[in-house]
Protein backbone atom coordinates (compact mmCIF):
# COMPACT_ATOMS: atom_id res chain seq x y z
CA MET A 1 118.99 72.76 158.58
CA THR A 2 118.91 73.41 154.85
CA THR A 3 121.76 71.79 152.95
CA GLY A 4 123.47 72.19 149.58
CA ALA A 5 123.24 75.21 147.34
CA ASP A 6 120.15 76.56 149.09
CA ALA A 7 121.70 76.68 152.57
CA ALA A 8 121.95 80.03 154.30
CA ALA A 9 125.34 81.69 154.13
CA ARG A 10 124.41 84.35 156.76
CA VAL A 11 121.62 86.14 158.47
CA LEU A 12 121.61 89.92 158.54
CA ARG A 13 119.76 91.14 161.62
CA GLY A 14 118.55 94.69 162.23
CA ARG A 15 115.70 97.02 161.36
CA THR A 16 114.61 96.06 157.81
CA LEU A 17 112.75 98.19 155.20
CA SER A 18 111.64 97.23 151.73
CA PHE A 19 108.93 98.47 149.35
CA THR A 20 106.12 96.66 147.69
CA ASP A 21 104.70 99.59 145.72
CA ASP A 22 104.95 103.36 145.16
CA PRO A 23 104.05 105.29 148.32
CA ARG A 24 102.91 108.31 146.25
CA VAL A 25 100.28 106.11 144.66
CA VAL A 26 99.15 103.71 147.40
CA GLY A 27 100.37 105.46 150.57
CA PRO A 28 103.34 104.50 152.80
CA ASP A 29 101.44 101.98 154.90
CA ARG A 30 100.58 99.83 151.88
CA ALA A 31 103.88 100.47 150.11
CA THR A 32 106.36 99.40 152.80
CA CYS A 33 107.33 96.12 154.37
CA GLY A 34 109.77 96.00 157.29
CA HIS A 35 110.46 94.95 160.86
CA GLU A 36 111.98 96.71 163.83
CA ASP A 37 113.91 93.58 164.67
CA GLY A 38 114.16 91.93 161.28
CA ALA A 39 116.22 89.47 159.48
CA VAL A 40 117.41 88.86 155.90
CA VAL A 41 118.61 85.37 155.14
CA VAL A 42 121.23 85.25 152.41
CA GLY A 43 121.80 82.03 150.51
CA ARG A 44 125.11 80.62 149.34
CA ARG A 45 124.29 81.48 145.76
CA GLY A 46 123.81 85.16 146.58
CA ARG A 47 120.04 85.24 146.62
CA ILE A 48 117.76 86.25 149.49
CA LEU A 49 116.09 83.14 150.97
CA TRP A 50 113.84 84.82 153.48
CA HIS A 51 112.92 88.19 154.99
CA GLY A 52 110.80 88.81 158.04
CA ALA A 53 110.81 89.41 161.78
CA PHE A 54 113.77 87.84 163.49
CA ALA A 55 111.44 86.14 165.99
CA ASP A 56 109.89 84.24 163.05
CA LEU A 57 113.20 83.09 161.57
CA PRO A 58 112.60 79.60 160.09
CA ARG A 59 114.32 76.78 162.01
CA ALA A 60 116.03 75.75 158.76
CA HIS A 61 118.23 78.89 159.09
CA ALA A 62 118.68 78.84 162.86
CA ASP A 63 122.34 77.74 162.73
CA ALA A 64 123.48 80.15 160.06
CA PRO A 65 126.01 82.83 161.11
CA CYS A 66 124.21 86.01 162.20
CA GLU A 67 125.55 89.50 161.64
CA ARG A 68 123.79 92.05 163.83
CA HIS A 69 123.44 95.60 162.69
CA ASP A 70 121.88 97.09 165.78
CA GLY A 71 120.62 100.63 165.47
CA ALA A 72 120.87 100.54 161.66
CA VAL A 73 118.45 100.12 158.77
CA ILE A 74 118.85 97.23 156.33
CA LEU A 75 117.54 98.13 152.84
CA PRO A 76 117.88 96.80 149.33
CA GLY A 77 121.05 98.05 147.64
CA LEU A 78 120.63 101.51 146.12
CA ILE A 79 120.13 101.81 142.33
CA ASP A 80 121.53 104.69 140.29
CA ALA A 81 119.38 105.06 137.16
CA HIS A 82 121.64 107.50 135.27
CA VAL A 83 125.36 108.07 135.88
CA HIS A 84 128.34 108.80 133.56
CA PHE A 85 131.36 106.54 133.91
CA PRO A 86 133.78 108.83 131.98
CA GLN A 87 132.84 111.79 134.09
CA HIS A 88 133.59 110.14 137.35
CA ARG A 89 136.37 112.60 138.30
CA MET A 90 134.95 115.91 136.90
CA LEU A 91 132.37 116.81 139.55
CA ALA A 92 131.96 120.56 140.11
CA ALA A 93 133.31 121.60 136.67
CA PRO A 94 131.98 125.15 136.17
CA ALA A 95 130.20 126.37 133.02
CA HIS A 96 127.50 128.81 132.00
CA ASP A 97 125.08 126.01 130.99
CA LEU A 98 124.83 122.43 129.78
CA LEU A 99 126.13 122.92 126.25
CA GLU A 100 129.14 124.96 127.38
CA TRP A 101 129.85 122.37 130.10
CA LEU A 102 129.92 119.57 127.51
CA ASP A 103 132.32 121.45 125.27
CA ARG A 104 134.63 122.68 128.07
CA PHE A 105 134.80 119.62 130.24
CA ALA A 106 132.80 116.51 129.30
CA PHE A 107 133.93 115.98 125.74
CA PRO A 108 137.70 116.47 126.41
CA GLU A 109 137.50 114.13 129.40
CA GLU A 110 135.63 111.46 127.41
CA ALA A 111 138.21 111.57 124.59
CA ARG A 112 140.74 110.05 127.06
CA TYR A 113 138.79 106.79 127.08
CA ALA A 114 140.09 105.82 123.67
CA ALA A 115 143.08 104.48 125.61
CA GLU A 116 142.22 101.10 127.10
CA ASP A 117 144.58 101.37 130.04
CA HIS A 118 142.92 104.65 131.03
CA ALA A 119 139.43 103.06 130.71
CA GLU A 120 140.45 100.02 132.76
CA ALA A 121 141.78 102.09 135.64
CA ALA A 122 138.86 104.44 135.47
CA ALA A 123 136.34 101.56 135.64
CA GLU A 124 137.80 100.29 138.90
CA SER A 125 137.82 103.80 140.49
CA PHE A 126 134.27 104.48 139.27
CA LEU A 127 132.84 101.23 140.63
CA ASP A 128 134.70 101.67 143.95
CA LYS A 129 132.98 105.04 144.36
CA LEU A 130 129.54 103.65 143.56
CA VAL A 131 129.84 100.78 146.06
CA ARG A 132 131.27 102.88 148.87
CA HIS A 133 128.23 105.12 148.61
CA GLY A 134 125.79 102.16 148.87
CA THR A 135 125.00 101.86 145.14
CA THR A 136 124.94 98.20 144.02
CA SER A 137 123.33 98.55 140.59
CA ALA A 138 123.50 101.29 137.93
CA LEU A 139 122.50 102.32 134.43
CA VAL A 140 125.71 103.87 133.10
CA PHE A 141 126.70 106.14 130.28
CA SER A 142 130.05 105.27 128.67
CA THR A 143 131.78 106.83 125.66
CA VAL A 144 131.82 106.20 121.86
CA HIS A 145 134.83 103.91 122.41
CA GLY A 146 133.71 100.27 122.42
CA ASN A 147 136.79 99.36 124.48
CA ALA A 148 135.60 101.62 127.35
CA ALA A 149 132.22 99.90 127.64
CA ASP A 150 134.04 96.57 127.41
CA CYS A 151 136.34 97.51 130.31
CA LEU A 152 133.36 98.62 132.41
CA PHE A 153 131.49 95.34 131.74
CA ARG A 154 134.52 93.30 132.72
CA ALA A 155 135.10 95.23 135.90
CA ALA A 156 131.41 94.86 136.93
CA GLN A 157 131.47 91.17 136.12
CA ARG A 158 134.47 90.58 138.36
CA ARG A 159 132.56 92.23 141.22
CA GLY A 160 129.27 90.44 140.56
CA LEU A 161 127.43 93.73 140.11
CA CYS A 162 124.26 94.38 138.26
CA LEU A 163 125.20 96.93 135.62
CA LEU A 164 123.68 98.22 132.40
CA THR A 165 125.72 100.17 129.91
CA GLY A 166 126.65 100.47 126.24
CA THR A 167 128.82 102.34 123.82
CA THR A 168 127.57 105.88 123.27
CA MET A 169 126.20 106.77 119.85
CA MET A 170 127.28 110.25 118.66
CA ASP A 171 128.03 111.29 115.08
CA ARG A 172 127.79 115.09 114.95
CA ASN A 173 127.96 118.35 116.87
CA ALA A 174 130.85 117.14 119.02
CA PRO A 175 134.66 116.86 118.59
CA ASP A 176 135.97 114.11 116.30
CA ALA A 177 137.59 112.36 119.27
CA VAL A 178 134.18 111.61 120.77
CA THR A 179 132.10 110.86 117.63
CA LEU A 180 131.79 107.78 115.44
CA ASP A 181 129.85 107.55 112.21
CA ALA A 182 126.34 106.03 112.28
CA GLU A 183 127.18 102.69 110.71
CA ALA A 184 130.28 102.10 112.78
CA SER A 185 128.56 102.93 116.04
CA ALA A 186 125.74 100.57 115.20
CA ARG A 187 128.24 97.77 114.44
CA GLU A 188 130.04 98.50 117.72
CA SER A 189 126.74 98.30 119.60
CA ALA A 190 125.74 95.04 117.94
CA ASP A 191 129.11 93.48 118.80
CA LEU A 192 128.85 94.50 122.43
CA ILE A 193 125.27 93.23 122.67
CA ALA A 194 126.45 89.85 121.41
CA SER A 195 129.37 89.81 123.91
CA TRP A 196 127.68 91.09 127.09
CA HIS A 197 123.92 91.35 127.08
CA GLY A 198 122.50 88.80 129.52
CA VAL A 199 125.95 87.64 130.76
CA GLU A 200 125.52 87.00 134.46
CA ARG A 201 124.07 90.25 135.88
CA LEU A 202 125.01 92.47 132.92
CA ARG A 203 122.59 94.12 130.46
CA TYR A 204 123.14 96.20 127.40
CA ALA A 205 121.66 99.70 127.04
CA LEU A 206 121.53 101.18 123.58
CA THR A 207 122.97 104.57 124.35
CA VAL A 208 122.17 107.62 122.28
CA ARG A 209 123.87 110.69 123.82
CA PHE A 210 120.99 112.99 122.88
CA ALA A 211 119.26 114.17 119.75
CA VAL A 212 121.71 117.07 119.34
CA THR A 213 124.67 114.71 118.77
CA SER A 214 122.99 112.15 116.54
CA SER A 215 121.98 112.38 112.89
CA GLU A 216 118.69 110.97 111.68
CA ALA A 217 120.66 108.12 110.15
CA GLN A 218 122.12 107.24 113.54
CA LEU A 219 118.79 107.48 115.33
CA ARG A 220 117.26 105.23 112.64
CA LEU A 221 119.95 102.61 113.15
CA ALA A 222 119.55 102.81 116.96
CA GLY A 223 115.82 102.18 116.51
CA ALA A 224 116.47 99.18 114.32
CA LEU A 225 118.89 97.75 116.94
CA LEU A 226 116.31 98.25 119.67
CA ALA A 227 113.65 96.49 117.56
CA ASP A 228 116.03 93.59 116.93
CA HIS A 229 117.05 93.36 120.64
CA PRO A 230 113.93 94.20 122.65
CA GLY A 231 115.58 92.94 125.81
CA CYS A 232 117.98 95.88 125.76
CA LEU A 233 117.21 99.26 127.20
CA LEU A 234 117.35 102.61 125.40
CA HIS A 235 119.29 105.19 127.40
CA THR A 236 119.45 108.85 126.44
CA HIS A 237 118.83 112.47 127.61
CA LEU A 238 115.61 114.42 127.12
CA SER A 239 114.46 117.95 127.76
CA GLU A 240 117.27 118.94 130.09
CA SER A 241 117.78 122.65 129.28
CA ALA A 242 116.08 125.41 127.29
CA ALA A 243 119.09 125.90 125.02
CA GLU A 244 119.20 122.19 124.23
CA ILE A 245 115.51 122.11 123.39
CA ASP A 246 115.95 125.12 121.03
CA PHE A 247 118.83 123.33 119.32
CA VAL A 248 116.71 120.18 118.85
CA LYS A 249 114.03 122.33 117.22
CA GLN A 250 116.58 123.73 114.74
CA LEU A 251 117.95 120.21 113.92
CA TYR A 252 114.55 118.49 113.59
CA PRO A 253 112.12 121.17 112.35
CA TRP A 254 109.58 118.47 111.38
CA SER A 255 109.18 117.26 115.02
CA LYS A 256 106.26 118.05 117.24
CA ASP A 257 108.64 118.34 120.21
CA TYR A 258 111.81 116.79 121.64
CA THR A 259 110.12 113.46 122.56
CA ASP A 260 108.70 113.21 119.08
CA VAL A 261 112.25 113.06 117.63
CA TYR A 262 112.93 109.87 119.53
CA ALA A 263 109.45 108.45 118.82
CA ARG A 264 109.89 108.92 115.08
CA PHE A 265 112.76 106.42 115.15
CA GLY A 266 111.21 103.82 117.45
CA LEU A 267 113.13 104.89 120.58
CA VAL A 268 110.17 105.62 122.84
CA SER A 269 109.19 102.31 124.40
CA GLU A 270 108.64 100.43 127.61
CA GLY A 271 112.40 99.94 127.91
CA SER A 272 113.35 103.55 127.23
CA VAL A 273 115.05 105.56 130.03
CA PHE A 274 115.18 109.33 129.56
CA ALA A 275 117.39 111.35 131.89
CA HIS A 276 116.10 114.78 133.14
CA GLY A 277 112.69 115.51 131.54
CA ILE A 278 112.50 118.90 133.12
CA HIS A 279 110.54 120.81 130.49
CA LEU A 280 108.08 118.19 129.19
CA SER A 281 104.77 119.26 127.67
CA GLU A 282 101.48 117.57 128.32
CA ARG A 283 101.67 115.88 124.87
CA GLU A 284 105.13 114.50 125.74
CA CYS A 285 104.01 113.18 129.08
CA ARG A 286 101.08 111.41 127.47
CA ALA A 287 103.37 109.86 124.86
CA LEU A 288 105.82 108.69 127.55
CA HIS A 289 102.98 107.30 129.63
CA ASP A 290 101.46 105.38 126.71
CA ALA A 291 104.89 103.88 125.91
CA GLY A 292 105.71 102.97 129.54
CA SER A 293 109.01 104.82 129.42
CA MET A 294 110.83 106.18 132.50
CA VAL A 295 112.01 109.75 133.12
CA VAL A 296 114.90 109.95 135.55
CA HIS A 297 115.09 112.92 137.94
CA CYS A 298 118.69 114.18 138.34
CA PRO A 299 118.37 116.90 140.96
CA THR A 300 121.96 117.74 141.87
CA SER A 301 122.88 118.02 138.19
CA ASN A 302 119.82 120.10 137.28
CA ALA A 303 120.54 122.55 140.12
CA PHE A 304 124.30 122.71 139.44
CA LEU A 305 123.93 123.44 135.74
CA GLY A 306 120.87 125.64 136.24
CA SER A 307 118.85 123.52 133.84
CA GLY A 308 115.53 123.92 135.69
CA LEU A 309 113.33 122.52 138.42
CA PHE A 310 111.84 119.12 137.87
CA ASP A 311 108.10 118.98 138.65
CA ILE A 312 107.44 115.52 140.07
CA GLU A 313 103.68 116.11 140.36
CA HIS A 314 103.52 117.10 136.69
CA LEU A 315 105.07 113.75 135.81
CA TYR A 316 102.84 111.75 138.18
CA ALA A 317 99.61 113.55 137.15
CA ALA A 318 96.57 111.46 136.28
CA PRO A 319 95.32 110.18 133.94
CA ARG A 320 98.70 109.80 132.26
CA PRO A 321 101.35 109.37 135.00
CA VAL A 322 104.87 108.89 133.77
CA ARG A 323 107.21 106.46 135.50
CA VAL A 324 109.87 108.36 137.50
CA GLY A 325 113.29 107.33 138.60
CA VAL A 326 116.15 109.14 140.37
CA ALA A 327 119.89 109.40 139.73
CA THR A 328 123.10 111.11 140.67
CA ASP A 329 124.00 111.97 137.06
CA ILE A 330 127.74 112.13 137.85
CA GLY A 331 129.52 114.29 136.73
CA GLY A 332 126.94 117.03 136.14
CA GLY A 333 125.65 115.77 139.43
CA THR A 334 127.68 116.80 142.46
CA SER A 335 127.56 113.74 144.73
CA TYR A 336 127.87 109.97 144.34
CA SER A 337 125.55 109.64 147.30
CA LEU A 338 121.95 108.79 146.49
CA LEU A 339 121.16 110.12 150.01
CA GLN A 340 122.41 113.57 149.02
CA THR A 341 120.63 113.17 145.68
CA LEU A 342 117.35 112.55 147.46
CA ALA A 343 117.98 115.58 149.66
CA GLU A 344 118.19 117.77 146.54
CA ALA A 345 115.09 116.12 145.11
CA TYR A 346 113.26 117.15 148.26
CA LYS A 347 114.49 120.78 148.00
CA ILE A 348 113.51 121.02 144.35
CA ALA A 349 110.05 119.60 145.07
CA ARG A 350 109.60 122.24 147.80
CA LEU A 351 110.70 125.02 145.47
CA LYS A 352 108.02 123.86 143.06
CA GLY A 353 105.46 123.72 145.89
CA ARG A 354 105.32 119.92 145.76
CA SER A 355 105.63 117.19 148.41
CA PHE A 356 108.49 114.67 148.58
CA SER A 357 108.64 112.37 151.58
CA ALA A 358 111.42 110.13 152.74
CA PHE A 359 109.35 107.15 151.70
CA ASP A 360 109.09 108.66 148.18
CA GLY A 361 112.84 109.02 148.00
CA PHE A 362 113.85 105.59 149.24
CA TYR A 363 111.21 103.99 147.01
CA LEU A 364 112.62 105.70 143.94
CA ALA A 365 116.22 104.70 144.83
CA THR A 366 115.27 100.99 145.23
CA LEU A 367 112.10 99.46 143.77
CA GLY A 368 111.13 102.49 141.68
CA ASN A 369 114.41 102.45 139.76
CA ALA A 370 114.33 98.65 139.53
CA ARG A 371 110.92 98.78 137.93
CA GLY A 372 111.97 101.42 135.41
CA LEU A 373 115.06 99.36 134.45
CA ARG A 374 112.92 96.24 134.11
CA LEU A 375 114.91 94.52 136.85
CA ASP A 376 112.37 94.38 139.67
CA ALA A 377 112.24 90.55 139.48
CA GLU A 378 115.94 90.58 140.35
CA ILE A 379 116.72 93.62 142.56
CA GLY A 380 115.11 96.49 144.42
CA THR A 381 113.47 94.65 147.34
CA LEU A 382 114.30 92.27 150.14
CA ASP A 383 111.92 89.63 148.81
CA ALA A 384 112.98 85.98 148.68
CA GLY A 385 114.49 85.15 145.31
CA ARG A 386 116.00 88.59 144.73
CA TRP A 387 119.74 89.06 144.56
CA ALA A 388 121.12 89.75 148.03
CA ASP A 389 122.26 93.29 147.16
CA VAL A 390 121.91 95.06 150.52
CA VAL A 391 122.91 98.42 152.06
CA VAL A 392 122.99 99.00 155.78
CA LEU A 393 122.54 102.66 156.77
CA ASP A 394 123.50 104.08 160.17
CA PRO A 395 121.10 106.86 161.23
CA ARG A 396 123.61 108.01 163.87
CA ALA A 397 126.72 107.89 161.69
CA THR A 398 127.84 111.48 162.37
CA PRO A 399 127.44 113.79 165.37
CA VAL A 400 124.94 115.90 163.41
CA LEU A 401 122.86 112.83 162.50
CA ALA A 402 123.07 111.42 166.02
CA ALA A 403 121.80 114.69 167.54
CA ARG A 404 119.01 114.95 165.01
CA GLN A 405 117.90 111.32 165.57
CA GLU A 406 117.26 112.16 169.25
CA LEU A 407 114.22 114.06 167.96
CA SER A 408 112.89 111.33 165.64
CA GLN A 409 109.57 109.91 166.69
CA SER A 410 108.86 107.54 163.76
CA LEU A 411 110.49 105.54 161.02
CA GLU A 412 109.76 108.38 158.60
CA ASP A 413 111.44 110.91 160.87
CA MET A 414 114.55 108.73 160.98
CA LEU A 415 114.57 108.14 157.21
CA PHE A 416 114.06 111.85 156.55
CA ALA A 417 117.09 112.78 158.60
CA LEU A 418 119.15 110.13 156.79
CA MET A 419 118.00 111.47 153.42
CA MET A 420 118.69 115.12 154.25
CA LEU A 421 121.86 114.80 156.34
CA GLY A 422 123.35 111.44 155.28
CA ASP A 423 126.15 110.70 152.83
CA ASP A 424 128.75 107.98 152.39
CA ARG A 425 129.54 108.10 156.16
CA ALA A 426 126.06 106.75 156.84
CA VAL A 427 126.77 103.59 154.79
CA ARG A 428 127.68 101.08 157.48
CA ALA A 429 127.92 98.02 155.18
CA VAL A 430 127.29 97.06 151.57
CA TYR A 431 126.62 93.53 150.29
CA VAL A 432 126.61 92.41 146.67
CA ARG A 433 125.16 88.95 146.00
CA GLY A 434 125.37 88.37 149.77
CA ARG A 435 129.08 89.13 149.99
CA GLN A 436 130.20 92.16 151.97
CA VAL A 437 132.10 94.53 149.65
CA ALA A 438 132.29 97.73 151.74
CA GLY A 439 131.90 99.02 155.25
CA ARG A 440 132.30 97.17 158.52
CA THR A 441 130.96 93.76 159.45
CA GLY A 442 128.08 93.48 161.81
CA ARG A 443 128.49 92.02 165.28
CA HIS A 444 128.39 88.23 165.13
CA SER A 445 125.77 86.92 167.51
CA ARG A 446 122.12 85.97 167.69
């Protein structure tokens, strides 16, 4: 048996599924790796030591405790590529459109995060919600208050989570309580980068709210920070609603389009993550492709706010495919569940006359998002060496799911039902760095 730090802490046994590539590009047979009776061996340091068929379990791990998740699916932990920490309690806040929604609900709520005690309590509540829904990693919007991002980093560190966030940069077109001048926000960002970027599983994301709320001076400083810290991500919004796009044209009359505003200041790069991207032109898609940036589909938010219908095939189109991710976008989004989010992505694809399979959805929520966040060497698959962030989904978790699964004839049928009908009740167990943090423990046996 293996000894020392590399010894197995536990074996998770059940049906396993992981991705090796994008099924929209290479097909599901070449993109998936899994076993009907599979095993994931978790090491004492929280890394995956081995994944394969249980019958092939190496003898070195034969004596490790085994947790059986019969009838369930063991997947990499789900990754949310765009979610708002300070909006964690304001789901289903009504408004005519995005800009009214920001003024009526989002900005007043975010102003509360100037108080550190409020930010500390909110961070715990927010992370609890993510984990209970099977999300083990996230790219997170915070507020302009440096203490709020600090609180979120500390809370994630205590839990051993993989989390990317940063203080939000806004210096105009918003209330004073949620703005900070360009120089001060740049200093705040630099201080937080020095304190948190690369600490354990934490990463810093330079966070520009969107072009509407940043001056050219602020965008220029953000670009300089990104150039000085290329390991950081750039996180912002792009092309979410028609009214927003018109506002950007008024503010930046010199620009070719919305994407060009960010490009002018060095913010369109391989590490840039743009939420929404509903109304992108061909020129913008080519620019995003050339840069290697990711556009994150936020289906429940887009539908709720009436922002538009994301066209996934437009983004994927050759010869200039754009990297695509998926996210809940709480609190414009209406569910913490990435399963529910994928269900809405399917519906929007159908409304656009496009295809969206269960394999497409689960790829985006795992390896696809990991690739876009430049974390695929650490998370997103069940490969040996990755962090043992794992979610166990129960395809019969509710009476409706159980009845539907009686009709399933394939793995894709089962995954499709989970995607369309599942929610937090389908999350049987969640592991972060190999330690169970939510759900119920599997049956202990071989």
